[in-house]
PDB file of N, CA and C in Angstrom:
ATOM      1  N   UNK A   1     -14.849 -11.803  -3.153  1.00  0.00           N
ATOM      2  CA  UNK A   1     -14.200 -12.727  -4.063  1.00  0.00           C
ATOM      3  C   UNK A   1     -13.484 -11.928  -5.145  1.00  0.00           C
ATOM      4  N   UNK A   2     -12.336 -12.373  -5.493  1.00  0.00           N
ATOM      5  CA  UNK A   2     -11.544 -11.676  -6.506  1.00  0.00           C
ATOM      6  C   UNK A   2     -12.090 -11.945  -7.903  1.00  0.00           C
ATOM      7  N   UNK A   3     -11.859 -11.013  -8.790  1.00  0.00           N
ATOM      8  CA  UNK A   3     -12.240 -11.179 -10.182  1.00  0.00           C
ATOM      9  C   UNK A   3     -11.040 -11.526 -11.056  1.00  0.00           C
ATOM     10  N   UNK A   4      -9.882 -11.708 -10.450  1.00  0.00           N
ATOM     11  CA  UNK A   4      -8.657 -11.975 -11.203  1.00  0.00           C
ATOM     12  C   UNK A   4      -8.660 -13.433 -11.658  1.00  0.00           C
ATOM     13  N   UNK A   5      -8.728 -13.618 -12.965  1.00  0.00           N
ATOM     14  CA  UNK A   5      -8.746 -14.971 -13.516  1.00  0.00           C
ATOM     15  C   UNK A   5      -7.344 -15.541 -13.668  1.00  0.00           C
ATOM     16  N   UNK A   6      -6.392 -14.696 -14.044  1.00  0.00           N
ATOM     17  CA  UNK A   6      -5.007 -15.143 -14.231  1.00  0.00           C
ATOM     18  C   UNK A   6      -4.095 -13.972 -13.887  1.00  0.00           C
ATOM     19  N   UNK A   7      -3.439 -14.077 -12.755  1.00  0.00           N
ATOM     20  CA  UNK A   7      -2.546 -13.019 -12.304  1.00  0.00           C
ATOM     21  C   UNK A   7      -1.167 -13.280 -12.907  1.00  0.00           C
ATOM     22  N   UNK A   8      -1.036 -12.883 -14.150  1.00  0.00           N
ATOM     23  CA  UNK A   8       0.194 -13.143 -14.913  1.00  0.00           C
ATOM     24  C   UNK A   8       1.438 -12.567 -14.234  1.00  0.00           C
ATOM     25  N   UNK A   9       1.428 -11.310 -13.780  1.00  0.00           N
ATOM     26  CA  UNK A   9       2.650 -10.782 -13.140  1.00  0.00           C
ATOM     27  C   UNK A   9       3.052 -11.583 -11.899  1.00  0.00           C
ATOM     28  N   UNK A  10       2.070 -11.945 -11.075  1.00  0.00           N
ATOM     29  CA  UNK A  10       2.380 -12.710  -9.867  1.00  0.00           C
ATOM     30  C   UNK A  10       2.861 -14.118 -10.224  1.00  0.00           C
ATOM     31  N   UNK A  11       2.263 -14.698 -11.250  1.00  0.00           N
ATOM     32  CA  UNK A  11       2.677 -16.021 -11.712  1.00  0.00           C
ATOM     33  C   UNK A  11       4.144 -15.998 -12.132  1.00  0.00           C
ATOM     34  N   UNK A  12       4.497 -15.053 -12.994  1.00  0.00           N
ATOM     35  CA  UNK A  12       5.889 -14.965 -13.448  1.00  0.00           C
ATOM     36  C   UNK A  12       6.836 -14.656 -12.299  1.00  0.00           C
ATOM     37  N   UNK A  13       6.410 -13.782 -11.407  1.00  0.00           N
ATOM     38  CA  UNK A  13       7.245 -13.437 -10.255  1.00  0.00           C
ATOM     39  C   UNK A  13       7.513 -14.668  -9.393  1.00  0.00           C
ATOM     40  N   UNK A  14       6.484 -15.513  -9.236  1.00  0.00           N
ATOM     41  CA  UNK A  14       6.650 -16.713  -8.412  1.00  0.00           C
ATOM     42  C   UNK A  14       7.637 -17.696  -9.031  1.00  0.00           C
ATOM     43  N   UNK A  15       7.884 -17.529 -10.334  1.00  0.00           N
ATOM     44  CA  UNK A  15       8.819 -18.409 -11.048  1.00  0.00           C
ATOM     45  C   UNK A  15      10.138 -17.717 -11.360  1.00  0.00           C
ATOM     46  N   UNK A  16      10.366 -16.584 -10.714  1.00  0.00           N
ATOM     47  CA  UNK A  16      11.578 -15.786 -10.947  1.00  0.00           C
ATOM     48  C   UNK A  16      11.742 -15.469 -12.429  1.00  0.00           C
ATOM     49  N   UNK A  17      10.605 -15.256 -13.117  1.00  0.00           N
ATOM     50  CA  UNK A  17      10.633 -14.866 -14.524  1.00  0.00           C
ATOM     51  C   UNK A  17      10.999 -15.973 -15.494  1.00  0.00           C
ATOM     52  N   UNK A  18      11.008 -17.212 -15.044  1.00  0.00           N
ATOM     53  CA  UNK A  18      11.398 -18.347 -15.893  1.00  0.00           C
ATOM     54  C   UNK A  18      10.273 -18.675 -16.880  1.00  0.00           C
ATOM     55  N   UNK A  19      10.401 -18.192 -18.109  1.00  0.00           N
ATOM     56  CA  UNK A  19       9.384 -18.385 -19.132  1.00  0.00           C
ATOM     57  C   UNK A  19       9.177 -19.837 -19.523  1.00  0.00           C
ATOM     58  N   UNK A  20      10.253 -20.612 -19.548  1.00  0.00           N
ATOM     59  CA  UNK A  20      10.128 -22.031 -19.890  1.00  0.00           C
ATOM     60  C   UNK A  20       9.314 -22.775 -18.841  1.00  0.00           C
ATOM     61  N   UNK A  21       9.590 -22.498 -17.582  1.00  0.00           N
ATOM     62  CA  UNK A  21       8.837 -23.135 -16.508  1.00  0.00           C
ATOM     63  C   UNK A  21       7.381 -22.692 -16.547  1.00  0.00           C
ATOM     64  N   UNK A  22       7.151 -21.416 -16.835  1.00  0.00           N
ATOM     65  CA  UNK A  22       5.785 -20.912 -16.948  1.00  0.00           C
ATOM     66  C   UNK A  22       5.024 -21.679 -18.021  1.00  0.00           C
ATOM     67  N   UNK A  23       5.655 -21.862 -19.160  1.00  0.00           N
ATOM     68  CA  UNK A  23       5.017 -22.592 -20.255  1.00  0.00           C
ATOM     69  C   UNK A  23       4.729 -24.037 -19.847  1.00  0.00           C
ATOM     70  N   UNK A  24       5.671 -24.654 -19.198  1.00  0.00           N
ATOM     71  CA  UNK A  24       5.498 -26.039 -18.753  1.00  0.00           C
ATOM     72  C   UNK A  24       4.332 -26.161 -17.773  1.00  0.00           C
ATOM     73  N   UNK A  25       4.274 -25.261 -16.799  1.00  0.00           N
ATOM     74  CA  UNK A  25       3.202 -25.311 -15.805  1.00  0.00           C
ATOM     75  C   UNK A  25       1.837 -25.026 -16.432  1.00  0.00           C
ATOM     76  N   UNK A  26       1.794 -24.062 -17.337  1.00  0.00           N
ATOM     77  CA  UNK A  26       0.515 -23.760 -17.983  1.00  0.00           C
ATOM     78  C   UNK A  26       0.060 -24.920 -18.865  1.00  0.00           C
ATOM     79  N   UNK A  27       0.969 -25.543 -19.571  1.00  0.00           N
ATOM     80  CA  UNK A  27       0.592 -26.696 -20.389  1.00  0.00           C
ATOM     81  C   UNK A  27       0.076 -27.846 -19.529  1.00  0.00           C
ATOM     82  N   UNK A  28       0.682 -28.051 -18.377  1.00  0.00           N
ATOM     83  CA  UNK A  28       0.192 -29.075 -17.448  1.00  0.00           C
ATOM     84  C   UNK A  28      -1.209 -28.704 -16.958  1.00  0.00           C
ATOM     85  N   UNK A  29      -1.421 -27.429 -16.680  1.00  0.00           N
ATOM     86  CA  UNK A  29      -2.738 -26.966 -16.238  1.00  0.00           C
ATOM     87  C   UNK A  29      -3.775 -27.180 -17.333  1.00  0.00           C
ATOM     88  N   UNK A  30      -3.408 -26.874 -18.592  1.00  0.00           N
ATOM     89  CA  UNK A  30      -4.327 -27.077 -19.716  1.00  0.00           C
ATOM     90  C   UNK A  30      -4.742 -28.541 -19.813  1.00  0.00           C
ATOM     91  N   UNK A  31      -3.820 -29.432 -19.520  1.00  0.00           N
ATOM     92  CA  UNK A  31      -4.076 -30.855 -19.646  1.00  0.00           C
ATOM     93  C   UNK A  31      -4.827 -31.409 -18.435  1.00  0.00           C
ATOM     94  N   UNK A  32      -4.395 -31.028 -17.234  1.00  0.00           N
ATOM     95  CA  UNK A  32      -4.919 -31.650 -16.016  1.00  0.00           C
ATOM     96  C   UNK A  32      -6.203 -31.025 -15.485  1.00  0.00           C
ATOM     97  N   UNK A  33      -6.318 -29.716 -15.551  1.00  0.00           N
ATOM     98  CA  UNK A  33      -7.477 -29.092 -14.906  1.00  0.00           C
ATOM     99  C   UNK A  33      -8.812 -29.467 -15.558  1.00  0.00           C
ATOM    100  N   UNK A  34      -8.919 -29.586 -16.886  1.00  0.00           N
ATOM    101  CA  UNK A  34     -10.205 -30.021 -17.444  1.00  0.00           C
ATOM    102  C   UNK A  34     -10.575 -31.445 -17.011  1.00  0.00           C
ATOM    103  N   UNK A  35      -9.581 -32.305 -16.913  1.00  0.00           N
ATOM    104  CA  UNK A  35      -9.828 -33.676 -16.471  1.00  0.00           C
ATOM    105  C   UNK A  35     -10.322 -33.693 -15.031  1.00  0.00           C
ATOM    106  N   UNK A  36      -9.657 -32.938 -14.189  1.00  0.00           N
ATOM    107  CA  UNK A  36     -10.047 -32.891 -12.773  1.00  0.00           C
ATOM    108  C   UNK A  36     -11.440 -32.278 -12.625  1.00  0.00           C
ATOM    109  N   UNK A  37     -11.742 -31.269 -13.424  1.00  0.00           N
ATOM    110  CA  UNK A  37     -13.083 -30.664 -13.375  1.00  0.00           C
ATOM    111  C   UNK A  37     -14.147 -31.672 -13.817  1.00  0.00           C
ATOM    112  N   UNK A  38     -13.830 -32.459 -14.828  1.00  0.00           N
ATOM    113  CA  UNK A  38     -14.774 -33.491 -15.287  1.00  0.00           C
ATOM    114  C   UNK A  38     -15.007 -34.534 -14.189  1.00  0.00           C
ATOM    115  N   UNK A  39     -13.947 -34.899 -13.491  1.00  0.00           N
ATOM    116  CA  UNK A  39     -14.083 -35.845 -12.382  1.00  0.00           C
ATOM    117  C   UNK A  39     -14.930 -35.251 -11.258  1.00  0.00           C
ATOM    118  N   UNK A  40     -14.767 -33.968 -10.998  1.00  0.00           N
ATOM    119  CA  UNK A  40     -15.583 -33.305  -9.986  1.00  0.00           C
ATOM    120  C   UNK A  40     -17.046 -33.304 -10.413  1.00  0.00           C
ATOM    121  N   UNK A  41     -17.288 -33.037 -11.668  1.00  0.00           N
ATOM    122  CA  UNK A  41     -18.663 -33.066 -12.163  1.00  0.00           C
ATOM    123  C   UNK A  41     -19.279 -34.460 -11.965  1.00  0.00           C
ATOM    124  N   UNK A  42     -18.511 -35.499 -12.225  1.00  0.00           N
ATOM    125  CA  UNK A  42     -18.995 -36.865 -12.024  1.00  0.00           C
ATOM    126  C   UNK A  42     -19.286 -37.137 -10.554  1.00  0.00           C
ATOM    127  N   UNK A  43     -18.424 -36.649  -9.677  1.00  0.00           N
ATOM    128  CA  UNK A  43     -18.652 -36.829  -8.241  1.00  0.00           C
ATOM    129  C   UNK A  43     -19.937 -36.127  -7.805  1.00  0.00           C
ATOM    130  N   UNK A  44     -20.174 -34.944  -8.355  1.00  0.00           N
ATOM    131  CA  UNK A  44     -21.402 -34.218  -8.018  1.00  0.00           C
ATOM    132  C   UNK A  44     -22.627 -34.949  -8.547  1.00  0.00           C
ATOM    133  N   UNK A  45     -22.517 -35.499  -9.749  1.00  0.00           N
ATOM    134  CA  UNK A  45     -23.639 -36.271 -10.306  1.00  0.00           C
ATOM    135  C   UNK A  45     -23.934 -37.499  -9.463  1.00  0.00           C
ATOM    136  N   UNK A  46     -22.905 -38.064  -8.836  1.00  0.00           N
ATOM    137  CA  UNK A  46     -23.064 -39.249  -7.995  1.00  0.00           C
ATOM    138  C   UNK A  46     -23.366 -38.890  -6.539  1.00  0.00           C
ATOM    139  N   UNK A  47     -23.497 -37.601  -6.242  1.00  0.00           N
ATOM    140  CA  UNK A  47     -23.721 -37.132  -4.866  1.00  0.00           C
ATOM    141  C   UNK A  47     -22.639 -37.633  -3.910  1.00  0.00           C
ATOM    142  N   UNK A  48     -21.406 -37.664  -4.391  1.00  0.00           N
ATOM    143  CA  UNK A  48     -20.273 -38.155  -3.611  1.00  0.00           C
ATOM    144  C   UNK A  48     -19.516 -36.961  -3.023  1.00  0.00           C
ATOM    145  N   UNK A  49     -19.956 -36.526  -1.843  1.00  0.00           N
ATOM    146  CA  UNK A  49     -19.362 -35.348  -1.210  1.00  0.00           C
ATOM    147  C   UNK A  49     -17.881 -35.531  -0.879  1.00  0.00           C
ATOM    148  N   UNK A  50     -17.449 -36.684  -0.332  1.00  0.00           N
ATOM    149  CA  UNK A  50     -16.012 -36.835  -0.040  1.00  0.00           C
ATOM    150  C   UNK A  50     -15.146 -36.727  -1.299  1.00  0.00           C
ATOM    151  N   UNK A  51     -15.567 -37.370  -2.375  1.00  0.00           N
ATOM    152  CA  UNK A  51     -14.791 -37.286  -3.618  1.00  0.00           C
ATOM    153  C   UNK A  51     -14.810 -35.859  -4.154  1.00  0.00           C
ATOM    154  N   UNK A  52     -15.950 -35.209  -4.075  1.00  0.00           N
ATOM    155  CA  UNK A  52     -16.055 -33.818  -4.546  1.00  0.00           C
ATOM    156  C   UNK A  52     -15.106 -32.921  -3.762  1.00  0.00           C
ATOM    157  N   UNK A  53     -15.042 -33.131  -2.455  1.00  0.00           N
ATOM    158  CA  UNK A  53     -14.146 -32.326  -1.622  1.00  0.00           C
ATOM    159  C   UNK A  53     -12.686 -32.536  -2.020  1.00  0.00           C
ATOM    160  N   UNK A  54     -12.290 -33.782  -2.227  1.00  0.00           N
ATOM    161  CA  UNK A  54     -10.900 -34.078  -2.607  1.00  0.00           C
ATOM    162  C   UNK A  54     -10.563 -33.483  -3.973  1.00  0.00           C
ATOM    163  N   UNK A  55     -11.491 -33.610  -4.911  1.00  0.00           N
ATOM    164  CA  UNK A  55     -11.235 -33.079  -6.255  1.00  0.00           C
ATOM    165  C   UNK A  55     -11.186 -31.561  -6.244  1.00  0.00           C
ATOM    166  N   UNK A  56     -12.059 -30.926  -5.473  1.00  0.00           N
ATOM    167  CA  UNK A  56     -12.025 -29.470  -5.358  1.00  0.00           C
ATOM    168  C   UNK A  56     -10.711 -29.023  -4.724  1.00  0.00           C
ATOM    169  N   UNK A  57     -10.239 -29.782  -3.738  1.00  0.00           N
ATOM    170  CA  UNK A  57      -8.956 -29.469  -3.108  1.00  0.00           C
ATOM    171  C   UNK A  57      -7.826 -29.549  -4.136  1.00  0.00           C
ATOM    172  N   UNK A  58      -7.856 -30.555  -4.963  1.00  0.00           N
ATOM    173  CA  UNK A  58      -6.842 -30.722  -5.999  1.00  0.00           C
ATOM    174  C   UNK A  58      -6.887 -29.557  -6.990  1.00  0.00           C
ATOM    175  N   UNK A  59      -8.088 -29.177  -7.403  1.00  0.00           N
ATOM    176  CA  UNK A  59      -8.236 -28.038  -8.311  1.00  0.00           C
ATOM    177  C   UNK A  59      -7.729 -26.753  -7.667  1.00  0.00           C
ATOM    178  N   UNK A  60      -8.008 -26.610  -6.386  1.00  0.00           N
ATOM    179  CA  UNK A  60      -7.538 -25.412  -5.671  1.00  0.00           C
ATOM    180  C   UNK A  60      -6.026 -25.294  -5.765  1.00  0.00           C
ATOM    181  N   UNK A  61      -5.339 -26.395  -5.565  1.00  0.00           N
ATOM    182  CA  UNK A  61      -3.879 -26.387  -5.650  1.00  0.00           C
ATOM    183  C   UNK A  61      -3.381 -26.065  -7.044  1.00  0.00           C
ATOM    184  N   UNK A  62      -3.977 -26.707  -8.039  1.00  0.00           N
ATOM    185  CA  UNK A  62      -3.582 -26.457  -9.432  1.00  0.00           C
ATOM    186  C   UNK A  62      -3.770 -24.993  -9.798  1.00  0.00           C
ATOM    187  N   UNK A  63      -4.906 -24.460  -9.420  1.00  0.00           N
ATOM    188  CA  UNK A  63      -5.225 -23.070  -9.764  1.00  0.00           C
ATOM    189  C   UNK A  63      -4.307 -22.102  -9.034  1.00  0.00           C
ATOM    190  N   UNK A  64      -3.936 -22.465  -7.822  1.00  0.00           N
ATOM    191  CA  UNK A  64      -3.023 -21.619  -7.070  1.00  0.00           C
ATOM    192  C   UNK A  64      -1.652 -21.540  -7.708  1.00  0.00           C
ATOM    193  N   UNK A  65      -1.177 -22.652  -8.219  1.00  0.00           N
ATOM    194  CA  UNK A  65       0.150 -22.685  -8.840  1.00  0.00           C
ATOM    195  C   UNK A  65       0.229 -21.712 -10.008  1.00  0.00           C
ATOM    196  N   UNK A  66      -0.823 -21.660 -10.827  1.00  0.00           N
ATOM    197  CA  UNK A  66      -0.806 -20.789 -12.005  1.00  0.00           C
ATOM    198  C   UNK A  66      -1.407 -19.415 -11.710  1.00  0.00           C
ATOM    199  N   UNK A  67      -1.700 -19.162 -10.455  1.00  0.00           N
ATOM    200  CA  UNK A  67      -2.222 -17.863 -10.007  1.00  0.00           C
ATOM    201  C   UNK A  67      -3.551 -17.510 -10.684  1.00  0.00           C
ATOM    202  N   UNK A  68      -4.403 -18.529 -10.797  1.00  0.00           N
ATOM    203  CA  UNK A  68      -5.772 -18.308 -11.269  1.00  0.00           C
ATOM    204  C   UNK A  68      -6.612 -18.059 -10.015  1.00  0.00           C
ATOM    205  N   UNK A  69      -6.579 -16.816  -9.541  1.00  0.00           N
ATOM    206  CA  UNK A  69      -7.084 -16.483  -8.217  1.00  0.00           C
ATOM    207  C   UNK A  69      -8.579 -16.736  -8.049  1.00  0.00           C
ATOM    208  N   UNK A  70      -9.386 -16.339  -9.012  1.00  0.00           N
ATOM    209  CA  UNK A  70     -10.829 -16.572  -8.893  1.00  0.00           C
ATOM    210  C   UNK A  70     -11.121 -18.066  -8.845  1.00  0.00           C
ATOM    211  N   UNK A  71     -10.435 -18.824  -9.672  1.00  0.00           N
ATOM    212  CA  UNK A  71     -10.641 -20.269  -9.682  1.00  0.00           C
ATOM    213  C   UNK A  71     -10.228 -20.893  -8.348  1.00  0.00           C
ATOM    214  N   UNK A  72      -9.140 -20.425  -7.781  1.00  0.00           N
ATOM    215  CA  UNK A  72      -8.691 -20.934  -6.478  1.00  0.00           C
ATOM    216  C   UNK A  72      -9.738 -20.688  -5.409  1.00  0.00           C
ATOM    217  N   UNK A  73     -10.309 -19.491  -5.416  1.00  0.00           N
ATOM    218  CA  UNK A  73     -11.329 -19.166  -4.414  1.00  0.00           C
ATOM    219  C   UNK A  73     -12.580 -20.017  -4.602  1.00  0.00           C
ATOM    220  N   UNK A  74     -12.997 -20.189  -5.839  1.00  0.00           N
ATOM    221  CA  UNK A  74     -14.169 -21.035  -6.097  1.00  0.00           C
ATOM    222  C   UNK A  74     -13.901 -22.477  -5.677  1.00  0.00           C
ATOM    223  N   UNK A  75     -12.709 -22.976  -5.981  1.00  0.00           N
ATOM    224  CA  UNK A  75     -12.368 -24.343  -5.602  1.00  0.00           C
ATOM    225  C   UNK A  75     -12.327 -24.495  -4.078  1.00  0.00           C
ATOM    226  N   UNK A  76     -11.796 -23.503  -3.386  1.00  0.00           N
ATOM    227  CA  UNK A  76     -11.786 -23.538  -1.922  1.00  0.00           C
ATOM    228  C   UNK A  76     -13.213 -23.575  -1.389  1.00  0.00           C
ATOM    229  N   UNK A  77     -14.088 -22.748  -1.940  1.00  0.00           N
ATOM    230  CA  UNK A  77     -15.492 -22.755  -1.514  1.00  0.00           C
ATOM    231  C   UNK A  77     -16.124 -24.115  -1.768  1.00  0.00           C
ATOM    232  N   UNK A  78     -15.847 -24.693  -2.933  1.00  0.00           N
ATOM    233  CA  UNK A  78     -16.409 -26.016  -3.248  1.00  0.00           C
ATOM    234  C   UNK A  78     -15.894 -27.068  -2.273  1.00  0.00           C
ATOM    235  N   UNK A  79     -14.613 -27.012  -1.966  1.00  0.00           N
ATOM    236  CA  UNK A  79     -14.033 -27.975  -1.024  1.00  0.00           C
ATOM    237  C   UNK A  79     -14.719 -27.884   0.337  1.00  0.00           C
ATOM    238  N   UNK A  80     -14.838 -26.692   0.854  1.00  0.00           N
ATOM    239  CA  UNK A  80     -15.456 -26.501   2.178  1.00  0.00           C
ATOM    240  C   UNK A  80     -16.920 -26.929   2.185  1.00  0.00           C
ATOM    241  N   UNK A  81     -17.641 -26.553   1.145  1.00  0.00           N
ATOM    242  CA  UNK A  81     -19.067 -26.889   1.089  1.00  0.00           C
ATOM    243  C   UNK A  81     -19.275 -28.385   0.890  1.00  0.00           C
ATOM    244  N   UNK A  82     -18.407 -29.015   0.114  1.00  0.00           N
ATOM    245  CA  UNK A  82     -18.518 -30.468  -0.063  1.00  0.00           C
ATOM    246  C   UNK A  82     -18.247 -31.182   1.259  1.00  0.00           C
ATOM    247  N   UNK A  83     -17.249 -30.710   2.006  1.00  0.00           N
ATOM    248  CA  UNK A  83     -16.967 -31.309   3.321  1.00  0.00           C
ATOM    249  C   UNK A  83     -18.166 -31.209   4.236  1.00  0.00           C
ATOM    250  N   UNK A  84     -18.934 -30.121   4.085  1.00  0.00           N
ATOM    251  CA  UNK A  84     -20.127 -29.908   4.907  1.00  0.00           C
ATOM    252  C   UNK A  84     -21.358 -30.601   4.319  1.00  0.00           C
ATOM    253  N   UNK A  85     -21.180 -31.272   3.178  1.00  0.00           N
ATOM    254  CA  UNK A  85     -22.294 -31.977   2.564  1.00  0.00           C
ATOM    255  C   UNK A  85     -23.282 -31.092   1.834  1.00  0.00           C
ATOM    256  N   UNK A  86     -22.892 -29.865   1.538  1.00  0.00           N
ATOM    257  CA  UNK A  86     -23.793 -28.900   0.889  1.00  0.00           C
ATOM    258  C   UNK A  86     -23.571 -28.941  -0.629  1.00  0.00           C
ATOM    259  N   UNK A  87     -23.938 -30.069  -1.221  1.00  0.00           N
ATOM    260  CA  UNK A  87     -23.636 -30.295  -2.629  1.00  0.00           C
ATOM    261  C   UNK A  87     -24.399 -29.382  -3.578  1.00  0.00           C
ATOM    262  N   UNK A  88     -25.585 -28.928  -3.190  1.00  0.00           N
ATOM    263  CA  UNK A  88     -26.300 -27.988  -4.058  1.00  0.00           C
ATOM    264  C   UNK A  88     -25.498 -26.697  -4.215  1.00  0.00           C
ATOM    265  N   UNK A  89     -24.875 -26.256  -3.136  1.00  0.00           N
ATOM    266  CA  UNK A  89     -24.040 -25.061  -3.203  1.00  0.00           C
ATOM    267  C   UNK A  89     -22.764 -25.337  -4.007  1.00  0.00           C
ATOM    268  N   UNK A  90     -22.238 -26.536  -3.881  1.00  0.00           N
ATOM    269  CA  UNK A  90     -21.054 -26.909  -4.660  1.00  0.00           C
ATOM    270  C   UNK A  90     -21.401 -26.892  -6.149  1.00  0.00           C
ATOM    271  N   UNK A  91     -22.569 -27.400  -6.490  1.00  0.00           N
ATOM    272  CA  UNK A  91     -22.983 -27.401  -7.897  1.00  0.00           C
ATOM    273  C   UNK A  91     -23.092 -25.976  -8.436  1.00  0.00           C
ATOM    274  N   UNK A  92     -23.601 -25.074  -7.622  1.00  0.00           N
ATOM    275  CA  UNK A  92     -23.694 -23.676  -8.042  1.00  0.00           C
ATOM    276  C   UNK A  92     -22.306 -23.095  -8.267  1.00  0.00           C
ATOM    277  N   UNK A  93     -21.404 -23.344  -7.329  1.00  0.00           N
ATOM    278  CA  UNK A  93     -20.032 -22.859  -7.471  1.00  0.00           C
ATOM    279  C   UNK A  93     -19.329 -23.521  -8.649  1.00  0.00           C
ATOM    280  N   UNK A  94     -19.647 -24.789  -8.890  1.00  0.00           N
ATOM    281  CA  UNK A  94     -19.014 -25.502 -10.001  1.00  0.00           C
ATOM    282  C   UNK A  94     -19.402 -24.865 -11.334  1.00  0.00           C
ATOM    283  N   UNK A  95     -20.648 -24.458 -11.468  1.00  0.00           N
ATOM    284  CA  UNK A  95     -21.079 -23.790 -12.704  1.00  0.00           C
ATOM    285  C   UNK A  95     -20.279 -22.506 -12.911  1.00  0.00           C
ATOM    286  N   UNK A  96     -20.057 -21.754 -11.845  1.00  0.00           N
ATOM    287  CA  UNK A  96     -19.237 -20.542 -11.931  1.00  0.00           C
ATOM    288  C   UNK A  96     -17.792 -20.900 -12.255  1.00  0.00           C
ATOM    289  N   UNK A  97     -17.314 -21.988 -11.664  1.00  0.00           N
ATOM    290  CA  UNK A  97     -15.941 -22.431 -11.909  1.00  0.00           C
ATOM    291  C   UNK A  97     -15.743 -22.764 -13.383  1.00  0.00           C
ATOM    292  N   UNK A  98     -16.667 -23.516 -13.955  1.00  0.00           N
ATOM    293  CA  UNK A  98     -16.543 -23.933 -15.353  1.00  0.00           C
ATOM    294  C   UNK A  98     -16.486 -22.716 -16.272  1.00  0.00           C
ATOM    295  N   UNK A  99     -17.368 -21.773 -16.025  1.00  0.00           N
ATOM    296  CA  UNK A  99     -17.390 -20.545 -16.842  1.00  0.00           C
ATOM    297  C   UNK A  99     -16.079 -19.771 -16.692  1.00  0.00           C
ATOM    298  N   UNK A 100     -15.640 -19.578 -15.473  1.00  0.00           N
ATOM    299  CA  UNK A 100     -14.405 -18.836 -15.209  1.00  0.00           C
ATOM    300  C   UNK A 100     -13.186 -19.588 -15.713  1.00  0.00           C
ATOM    301  N   UNK A 101     -13.219 -20.904 -15.622  1.00  0.00           N
ATOM    302  CA  UNK A 101     -12.110 -21.739 -16.075  1.00  0.00           C
ATOM    303  C   UNK A 101     -11.876 -21.534 -17.570  1.00  0.00           C
ATOM    304  N   UNK A 102     -12.931 -21.521 -18.341  1.00  0.00           N
ATOM    305  CA  UNK A 102     -12.794 -21.323 -19.786  1.00  0.00           C
ATOM    306  C   UNK A 102     -12.162 -19.966 -20.100  1.00  0.00           C
ATOM    307  N   UNK A 103     -12.606 -18.941 -19.408  1.00  0.00           N
ATOM    308  CA  UNK A 103     -12.047 -17.598 -19.641  1.00  0.00           C
ATOM    309  C   UNK A 103     -10.591 -17.541 -19.207  1.00  0.00           C
ATOM    310  N   UNK A 104     -10.259 -18.181 -18.092  1.00  0.00           N
ATOM    311  CA  UNK A 104      -8.871 -18.193 -17.619  1.00  0.00           C
ATOM    312  C   UNK A 104      -7.974 -18.921 -18.612  1.00  0.00           C
ATOM    313  N   UNK A 105      -8.449 -20.042 -19.144  1.00  0.00           N
ATOM    314  CA  UNK A 105      -7.656 -20.775 -20.133  1.00  0.00           C
ATOM    315  C   UNK A 105      -7.373 -19.915 -21.358  1.00  0.00           C
ATOM    316  N   UNK A 106      -8.353 -19.137 -21.772  1.00  0.00           N
ATOM    317  CA  UNK A 106      -8.149 -18.233 -22.910  1.00  0.00           C
ATOM    318  C   UNK A 106      -7.067 -17.207 -22.607  1.00  0.00           C
ATOM    319  N   UNK A 107      -7.102 -16.631 -21.407  1.00  0.00           N
ATOM    320  CA  UNK A 107      -6.084 -15.651 -21.019  1.00  0.00           C
ATOM    321  C   UNK A 107      -4.693 -16.288 -20.974  1.00  0.00           C
ATOM    322  N   UNK A 108      -4.629 -17.490 -20.473  1.00  0.00           N
ATOM    323  CA  UNK A 108      -3.345 -18.190 -20.376  1.00  0.00           C
ATOM    324  C   UNK A 108      -2.805 -18.529 -21.766  1.00  0.00           C
ATOM    325  N   UNK A 109      -3.675 -18.939 -22.651  1.00  0.00           N
ATOM    326  CA  UNK A 109      -3.241 -19.245 -24.025  1.00  0.00           C
ATOM    327  C   UNK A 109      -2.729 -17.985 -24.726  1.00  0.00           C
ATOM    328  N   UNK A 110      -3.438 -16.877 -24.514  1.00  0.00           N
ATOM    329  CA  UNK A 110      -2.974 -15.613 -25.095  1.00  0.00           C
ATOM    330  C   UNK A 110      -1.609 -15.230 -24.561  1.00  0.00           C
ATOM    331  N   UNK A 111      -1.415 -15.451 -23.260  1.00  0.00           N
ATOM    332  CA  UNK A 111      -0.111 -15.160 -22.654  1.00  0.00           C
ATOM    333  C   UNK A 111       0.988 -15.981 -23.335  1.00  0.00           C
ATOM    334  N   UNK A 112       0.729 -17.261 -23.587  1.00  0.00           N
ATOM    335  CA  UNK A 112       1.735 -18.118 -24.212  1.00  0.00           C
ATOM    336  C   UNK A 112       2.015 -17.719 -25.658  1.00  0.00           C
ATOM    337  N   UNK A 113       1.054 -17.100 -26.304  1.00  0.00           N
ATOM    338  CA  UNK A 113       1.245 -16.673 -27.696  1.00  0.00           C
ATOM    339  C   UNK A 113       2.119 -15.436 -27.821  1.00  0.00           C
ATOM    340  N   UNK A 114       2.325 -14.725 -26.716  1.00  0.00           N
ATOM    341  CA  UNK A 114       3.123 -13.499 -26.780  1.00  0.00           C
ATOM    342  C   UNK A 114       4.608 -13.778 -26.689  1.00  0.00           C
TER     343      UNK A 114
END
């Protein structure tokens, strides 16, 4: 598993260096990803594996767009495990996701401040 929380060079490269678009995408991520994570937490509390799988899939896509590589991998693992009904493993991965998500958001905010 990668330890890269925010691959800033790859993110900018994927946007052809468009700083305005980068800011727009990161702001959308700041707004949407915490909400989606909260919904995933609710699905896990309700033991709703199908909803957990869909929400993890959505998070995987969001994280991929902003090149939050560790988060993408964790979300992919959660999606696969939820599909298999292994919610205890999803909960473990979710705890790692939440911790990594906070650190990634900090890195992204610092990037926007530069």
